[in-house]
Structure formats: C-alpha cells, structure tokens
Amino acid sequence: MDTWSSAKSTKEAPPEPACPVCNGAGFVHPRSPSGKPDYSRTVPCTCTLQKREKEQQSRLRQYSGLEAKLLQNMTFESFDWKRVNLPPEQRENLKKAFDNALDFAKAPEGWLVFQGINGCGKTHLAAAIANYCLKEGQPVKFVVVPDLLDHLRSTFSPESPVTYDQLFEEVKNAPLLILDDLGKQSTTPWAEEKLYQIINHRYNYRLPTVVTTNCTIDELDSPISSRFVDPKISVFFNITAPDYWSGRPAPKKTARGRKERRG
C-alpha cells in the first residue's frame, strides 16, 4: 500500500450514528389507530425520506446549471425593486417586472421575455424563477446562451464527456428552460440555426421558457423575435430601470413601441 492510500485509510471519517427511530434499518412499523405498532407492514423512516429529498435536490441542482453561488443568491427575496434612486415610473416598472417573474415562477406556463440593458435586473429575476422552482422540487434548466453555444461546439471533440445530441436534446426539451443573455452570442449562421431550432421547438410544443436579452426586437433575428412577440404564448416585458451599479439609464425607446404586458 502506498503512503497516500495508507494515510487516507487512517483518516476516514467515522460512520454516521444510526437513526434513533429505525436504528439504521431505513423503515419502521406504522402505528395503528390504537397507537400500537402495526407489525404487518412497514413504511420508510423519516431519515430515509429526508435522504431521498436531499438526493433529489442535489440532482435537480446539478441539472439546473445553477451551481454558481452568485446565481444561487439571486432570489426574489434578494431582489431590490424599491431602489430609492429611481424615479417613480421606473420603480413601478421594476415592480411590475418582479410581479411578472413571481407569477411565472408560481405557475410556469407560456413564455416570459425580459428585455433591458446590462445590470437592470433581468438576469436576477430569471435566476430567481429558477431558484424558486428548484425549491419547489421542479426541474429547470438555466443556460447562458453564449456558453451554451460554446458547449455545443465542444461536444464535437473526441474528449467531450457528452455527445452533441445529448446536450441539445436536454436543452431543447427541458421542462422549464431559461435562456440568459440572448443576443450576445456570435452571429454566425451555425449559431443562429441552433438557437432557432431550440426556440422553434419550444414554441411549437408550448414548453415554458424564460428569455433575457439586451437587444430590442428589431435587433434580433426575425424568425426568433417573431416567437417572442406572439401574445398567444409570450409576455414581452421591457425593463426601463438603469444599470443597478452605475445608474446608467435604459434607452427611452422600447422595442417597436410596444407597451409592457402583464401575464
């Protein structure tokens, strides 16, 4: 045995103490109406249920793409829509964005598209939706669009741990998909085609989707943007609040003059 293996074996963590309820068996006999144990059947112990819940949450977190601590901290509780430095109309606009996001998180259905400048809060609200759904035990996939395209390209490498089809299908058919920073990707024909395939598939099958972008509708590729402004499925919301850190104001003109709509 080498030195590393020997040192590792002598420093192993002590085993966890057995559950005082089931004594490590993982199951118990339920109580009958009289209060006595019903020895004719067994049910999982609370320790087993808690372990399963933790494992499920761990799987959901790993699938979600929200491993980064910064994204995990972006919740509805930490979102500051009452920013005192904002004029009333911008504060009200930010409150409406918050309400739209919270309503969507409680009942994910259709599409919600947040448009605004960098730092206005759209990514925070999108991540808050994801974190809310994870807390409720619902699967969600959060991807940053430029990173997604890089990952798709990397799957063509022989060293890639996943295939292109695996990753593409996982994103395309996610129960709830959040596409962050759409419009920052390199505008190559290949990138546009992949994005259109994902967005068009989710549009056709009416899969719940959240999108954030700093582009106006006119700046986005028209086959993609047409899906975002379909009132039968999508709520397009322009956040007019300025950059949270610098206070740089958002453009006064909204995309094609559309007003914000509540879902």
Protein backbone atom coordinates (compact mmCIF):
# COMPACT_ATOMS: atom_id res chain seq x y z
CA MET A 1 0.00 0.00 0.00
CA ASP A 2 1.39 3.40 -0.92
CA THR A 3 1.79 6.27 1.54
CA TRP A 4 -1.23 8.20 0.20
CA SER A 5 -3.57 5.20 0.45
CA SER A 6 -2.32 4.41 3.94
CA ALA A 7 -2.82 7.97 5.15
CA LYS A 8 -6.25 8.10 3.59
CA SER A 9 -7.37 4.88 5.25
CA THR A 10 -6.32 6.09 8.71
CA LYS A 11 -8.17 9.41 8.35
CA GLU A 12 -11.53 8.14 7.17
CA ALA A 13 -14.49 9.91 8.72
CA PRO A 14 -16.28 7.97 11.45
CA PRO A 15 -19.57 6.38 10.36
CA GLU A 16 -22.69 8.42 10.94
CA PRO A 17 -24.68 7.37 14.02
CA ALA A 18 -27.67 5.17 13.30
CA CYS A 19 -31.08 6.81 13.18
CA PRO A 20 -32.63 6.59 16.68
CA VAL A 21 -36.07 5.96 15.16
CA CYS A 22 -35.31 2.97 12.90
CA ASN A 23 -31.86 2.08 14.29
CA GLY A 24 -30.42 2.21 10.80
CA ALA A 25 -32.94 -0.14 9.19
CA GLY A 26 -34.44 2.57 6.99
CA PHE A 27 -38.03 1.53 7.70
CA VAL A 28 -40.44 1.39 10.63
CA HIS A 29 -43.72 -0.22 11.51
CA PRO A 30 -46.51 2.37 11.36
CA ARG A 31 -48.80 2.97 14.28
CA SER A 32 -52.31 1.55 14.17
CA PRO A 33 -55.32 3.70 15.24
CA SER A 34 -54.93 2.23 18.71
CA GLY A 35 -51.39 3.60 18.92
CA LYS A 36 -49.68 0.19 18.80
CA PRO A 37 -47.14 -0.75 16.10
CA ASP A 38 -48.65 -2.46 13.07
CA TYR A 39 -46.19 -5.30 12.52
CA SER A 40 -47.98 -6.47 9.36
CA ARG A 41 -46.44 -3.73 7.23
CA THR A 42 -43.55 -1.26 7.03
CA VAL A 43 -43.11 2.30 5.80
CA PRO A 44 -39.95 4.31 5.05
CA CYS A 45 -38.45 6.02 8.08
CA THR A 46 -38.26 9.81 8.11
CA CYS A 47 -34.48 9.57 7.84
CA THR A 48 -34.84 7.71 4.52
CA LEU A 49 -37.33 10.26 3.21
CA GLN A 50 -35.02 13.12 4.19
CA LYS A 51 -32.09 11.43 2.46
CA ARG A 52 -34.13 10.91 -0.70
CA GLU A 53 -35.23 14.55 -0.66
CA LYS A 54 -31.63 15.74 -0.32
CA GLU A 55 -30.53 13.46 -3.16
CA GLN A 56 -33.37 14.72 -5.33
CA GLN A 57 -32.48 18.35 -4.61
CA SER A 58 -28.84 17.60 -5.41
CA ARG A 59 -29.80 16.04 -8.76
CA LEU A 60 -32.08 18.95 -9.61
CA ARG A 61 -29.38 21.48 -8.69
CA GLN A 62 -26.80 19.68 -10.80
CA TYR A 63 -29.18 19.54 -13.77
CA SER A 64 -30.25 23.17 -13.40
CA GLY A 65 -26.97 24.88 -14.30
CA LEU A 66 -27.22 26.99 -11.12
CA GLU A 67 -24.10 25.67 -9.41
CA ALA A 68 -22.54 29.15 -9.27
CA LYS A 69 -23.01 30.75 -5.85
CA LEU A 70 -23.85 34.10 -7.43
CA LEU A 71 -26.81 32.60 -9.28
CA GLN A 72 -27.97 30.71 -6.19
CA ASN A 73 -28.11 34.02 -4.31
CA MET A 74 -30.35 35.60 -6.96
CA THR A 75 -33.75 35.07 -5.35
CA PHE A 76 -36.97 37.02 -5.12
CA GLU A 77 -36.09 37.86 -1.52
CA SER A 78 -32.78 39.44 -2.54
CA PHE A 79 -34.20 41.42 -5.47
CA ASP A 80 -34.37 45.16 -4.73
CA TRP A 81 -37.23 46.62 -6.76
CA LYS A 82 -37.64 49.52 -4.27
CA ARG A 83 -34.42 51.21 -5.39
CA VAL A 84 -34.63 54.64 -3.77
CA ASN A 85 -32.57 56.31 -6.51
CA LEU A 86 -35.21 55.55 -9.16
CA PRO A 87 -37.97 57.91 -10.28
CA PRO A 88 -41.49 56.58 -9.51
CA GLU A 89 -42.21 55.38 -13.05
CA GLN A 90 -39.05 53.28 -13.21
CA ARG A 91 -39.66 51.87 -9.74
CA GLU A 92 -43.18 50.89 -10.79
CA ASN A 93 -41.80 49.31 -13.96
CA LEU A 94 -39.33 47.26 -11.90
CA LYS A 95 -42.12 46.20 -9.52
CA LYS A 96 -44.19 45.00 -12.49
CA ALA A 97 -41.20 43.02 -13.78
CA PHE A 98 -40.85 41.46 -10.33
CA ASP A 99 -44.57 40.58 -10.22
CA ASN A 100 -44.43 39.03 -13.70
CA ALA A 101 -41.46 36.89 -12.68
CA LEU A 102 -43.03 35.75 -9.42
CA ASP A 103 -46.34 34.92 -11.09
CA PHE A 104 -44.49 32.88 -13.71
CA ALA A 105 -42.46 31.03 -11.06
CA LYS A 106 -45.62 30.03 -9.21
CA ALA A 107 -47.21 28.64 -12.37
CA PRO A 108 -44.68 28.21 -15.23
CA GLU A 109 -46.69 28.44 -18.42
CA GLY A 110 -46.01 30.10 -21.76
CA TRP A 111 -43.04 32.37 -22.30
CA LEU A 112 -41.67 35.35 -20.39
CA VAL A 113 -39.13 37.60 -22.14
CA PHE A 114 -37.25 40.32 -20.25
CA GLN A 115 -35.51 42.98 -22.33
CA GLY A 116 -33.27 45.69 -20.88
CA ILE A 117 -29.72 46.99 -20.58
CA ASN A 118 -26.99 45.15 -18.72
CA GLY A 119 -27.42 45.37 -14.97
CA CYS A 120 -31.12 46.29 -14.94
CA GLY A 121 -32.10 43.12 -13.07
CA LYS A 122 -33.35 40.79 -15.78
CA THR A 123 -30.83 38.01 -15.07
CA HIS A 124 -31.57 38.26 -11.34
CA LEU A 125 -35.29 37.79 -11.98
CA ALA A 126 -34.65 34.87 -14.35
CA ALA A 127 -32.41 33.16 -11.79
CA ALA A 128 -35.00 33.88 -9.07
CA ILE A 129 -37.57 31.98 -11.12
CA ALA A 130 -35.16 29.06 -11.41
CA ASN A 131 -34.32 29.04 -7.71
CA TYR A 132 -38.00 29.24 -6.76
CA CYS A 133 -38.84 26.25 -8.96
CA LEU A 134 -35.90 24.26 -7.60
CA LYS A 135 -37.10 24.92 -4.06
CA GLU A 136 -40.49 23.53 -5.09
CA GLY A 137 -38.81 20.39 -6.46
CA GLN A 138 -39.45 21.29 -10.11
CA PRO A 139 -36.72 20.69 -12.72
CA VAL A 140 -35.40 23.78 -14.52
CA LYS A 141 -32.50 24.37 -16.90
CA PHE A 142 -30.66 27.72 -16.73
CA VAL A 143 -28.21 28.39 -19.55
CA VAL A 144 -26.25 31.46 -20.66
CA VAL A 145 -26.67 31.50 -24.44
CA PRO A 146 -23.02 32.21 -25.43
CA ASP A 147 -21.88 29.47 -23.03
CA LEU A 148 -24.48 27.07 -24.41
CA LEU A 149 -23.20 27.54 -27.95
CA ASP A 150 -19.62 27.02 -26.78
CA HIS A 151 -20.66 23.80 -25.02
CA LEU A 152 -22.48 22.57 -28.12
CA ARG A 153 -19.37 23.20 -30.21
CA SER A 154 -17.18 21.41 -27.67
CA THR A 155 -19.27 18.22 -27.93
CA PHE A 156 -17.74 17.60 -31.36
CA SER A 157 -14.41 16.98 -29.63
CA PRO A 158 -13.49 13.30 -29.06
CA GLU A 159 -12.71 14.18 -25.43
CA SER A 160 -16.21 15.54 -24.73
CA PRO A 161 -17.97 13.68 -21.86
CA VAL A 162 -21.36 14.17 -23.55
CA THR A 163 -22.49 13.95 -27.15
CA TYR A 164 -23.98 16.80 -29.13
CA ASP A 165 -27.36 15.05 -29.30
CA GLN A 166 -27.45 14.53 -25.53
CA LEU A 167 -26.81 18.18 -24.70
CA PHE A 168 -29.00 19.56 -27.48
CA GLU A 169 -31.99 17.39 -26.52
CA GLU A 170 -31.53 18.18 -22.82
CA VAL A 171 -31.82 21.90 -23.51
CA LYS A 172 -34.46 21.67 -26.23
CA ASN A 173 -36.85 19.58 -24.12
CA ALA A 174 -36.16 20.93 -20.62
CA PRO A 175 -39.41 21.10 -18.59
CA LEU A 176 -38.57 24.77 -17.96
CA LEU A 177 -35.77 26.46 -19.89
CA ILE A 178 -34.18 29.81 -19.06
CA LEU A 179 -32.06 31.36 -21.82
CA ASP A 180 -29.97 34.17 -20.36
CA ASP A 181 -28.22 36.85 -22.42
CA LEU A 182 -29.70 36.02 -25.79
CA GLY A 183 -28.17 38.30 -28.43
CA LYS A 184 -24.60 38.32 -27.09
CA GLN A 185 -23.62 35.19 -28.99
CA SER A 186 -21.54 35.37 -32.15
CA THR A 187 -23.96 35.85 -35.01
CA THR A 188 -22.75 33.02 -37.21
CA PRO A 189 -25.16 31.06 -39.40
CA TRP A 190 -24.48 27.97 -37.28
CA ALA A 191 -25.31 29.81 -34.01
CA GLU A 192 -28.49 31.29 -35.45
CA GLU A 193 -29.59 27.88 -36.73
CA LYS A 194 -29.06 26.14 -33.38
CA LEU A 195 -30.90 28.86 -31.47
CA TYR A 196 -33.76 28.85 -33.92
CA GLN A 197 -34.09 25.07 -33.64
CA ILE A 198 -34.30 25.29 -29.84
CA ILE A 199 -36.67 28.25 -29.77
CA ASN A 200 -38.90 26.99 -32.58
CA HIS A 201 -39.21 23.55 -30.97
CA ARG A 202 -40.22 25.03 -27.64
CA TYR A 203 -42.62 27.40 -29.38
CA ASN A 204 -44.32 24.59 -31.31
CA TYR A 205 -44.67 22.41 -28.22
CA ARG A 206 -45.57 25.32 -25.92
CA LEU A 207 -42.80 24.47 -23.44
CA PRO A 208 -42.36 27.01 -20.60
CA THR A 209 -39.44 29.30 -21.39
CA VAL A 210 -37.84 32.43 -19.92
CA VAL A 211 -35.54 34.61 -22.02
CA THR A 212 -33.41 37.63 -21.13
CA THR A 213 -31.88 39.90 -23.75
CA ASN A 214 -30.34 43.35 -24.04
CA CYS A 215 -31.41 43.57 -27.69
CA THR A 216 -34.57 45.16 -28.99
CA ILE A 217 -36.91 43.07 -31.09
CA ASP A 218 -35.64 44.77 -34.24
CA GLU A 219 -32.06 43.77 -33.38
CA LEU A 220 -32.88 40.07 -33.01
CA ASP A 221 -33.09 37.62 -35.89
CA SER A 222 -36.65 37.90 -37.19
CA PRO A 223 -37.54 34.16 -37.14
CA ILE A 224 -36.58 34.16 -33.45
CA SER A 225 -38.07 37.51 -32.47
CA SER A 226 -41.43 36.64 -34.04
CA ARG A 227 -41.84 33.92 -31.40
CA PHE A 228 -41.19 36.41 -28.58
CA VAL A 229 -43.99 38.79 -29.51
CA ASP A 230 -46.76 36.26 -30.09
CA PRO A 231 -49.37 37.31 -27.48
CA LYS A 232 -50.90 33.82 -27.50
CA ILE A 233 -47.85 32.41 -25.74
CA SER A 234 -45.42 35.16 -24.79
CA VAL A 235 -45.22 38.15 -22.45
CA PHE A 236 -42.55 40.58 -23.64
CA PHE A 237 -41.51 42.98 -20.88
CA ASN A 238 -39.13 45.90 -21.31
CA ILE A 239 -37.32 46.82 -18.08
CA THR A 240 -36.64 50.55 -18.13
CA ALA A 241 -34.63 50.70 -14.90
CA PRO A 242 -30.97 51.75 -15.26
CA ASP A 243 -27.89 49.70 -14.52
CA TYR A 244 -28.06 48.89 -10.79
CA TRP A 245 -24.41 49.74 -10.18
CA SER A 246 -23.69 52.70 -12.41
CA GLY A 247 -27.16 54.21 -12.70
CA ARG A 248 -26.78 54.42 -16.48
CA PRO A 249 -30.32 54.91 -17.80
CA ALA A 250 -32.06 52.49 -20.14
CA PRO A 251 -32.93 53.63 -23.66
CA LYS A 252 -36.16 55.60 -23.75
CA LYS A 253 -37.46 53.85 -26.84
CA THR A 254 -38.92 50.40 -26.28
CA ALA A 255 -38.81 47.69 -28.90
CA ARG A 256 -41.16 48.72 -31.71
CA GLY A 257 -43.01 50.94 -29.27
CA ARG A 258 -44.71 48.01 -27.53
CA LYS A 259 -46.05 48.58 -24.05
CA GLU A 260 -45.32 46.19 -21.22
CA ARG A 261 -47.92 43.49 -20.83
CA ARG A 262 -48.86 41.67 -17.67
CA GLY A 263 -49.22 37.92 -17.94
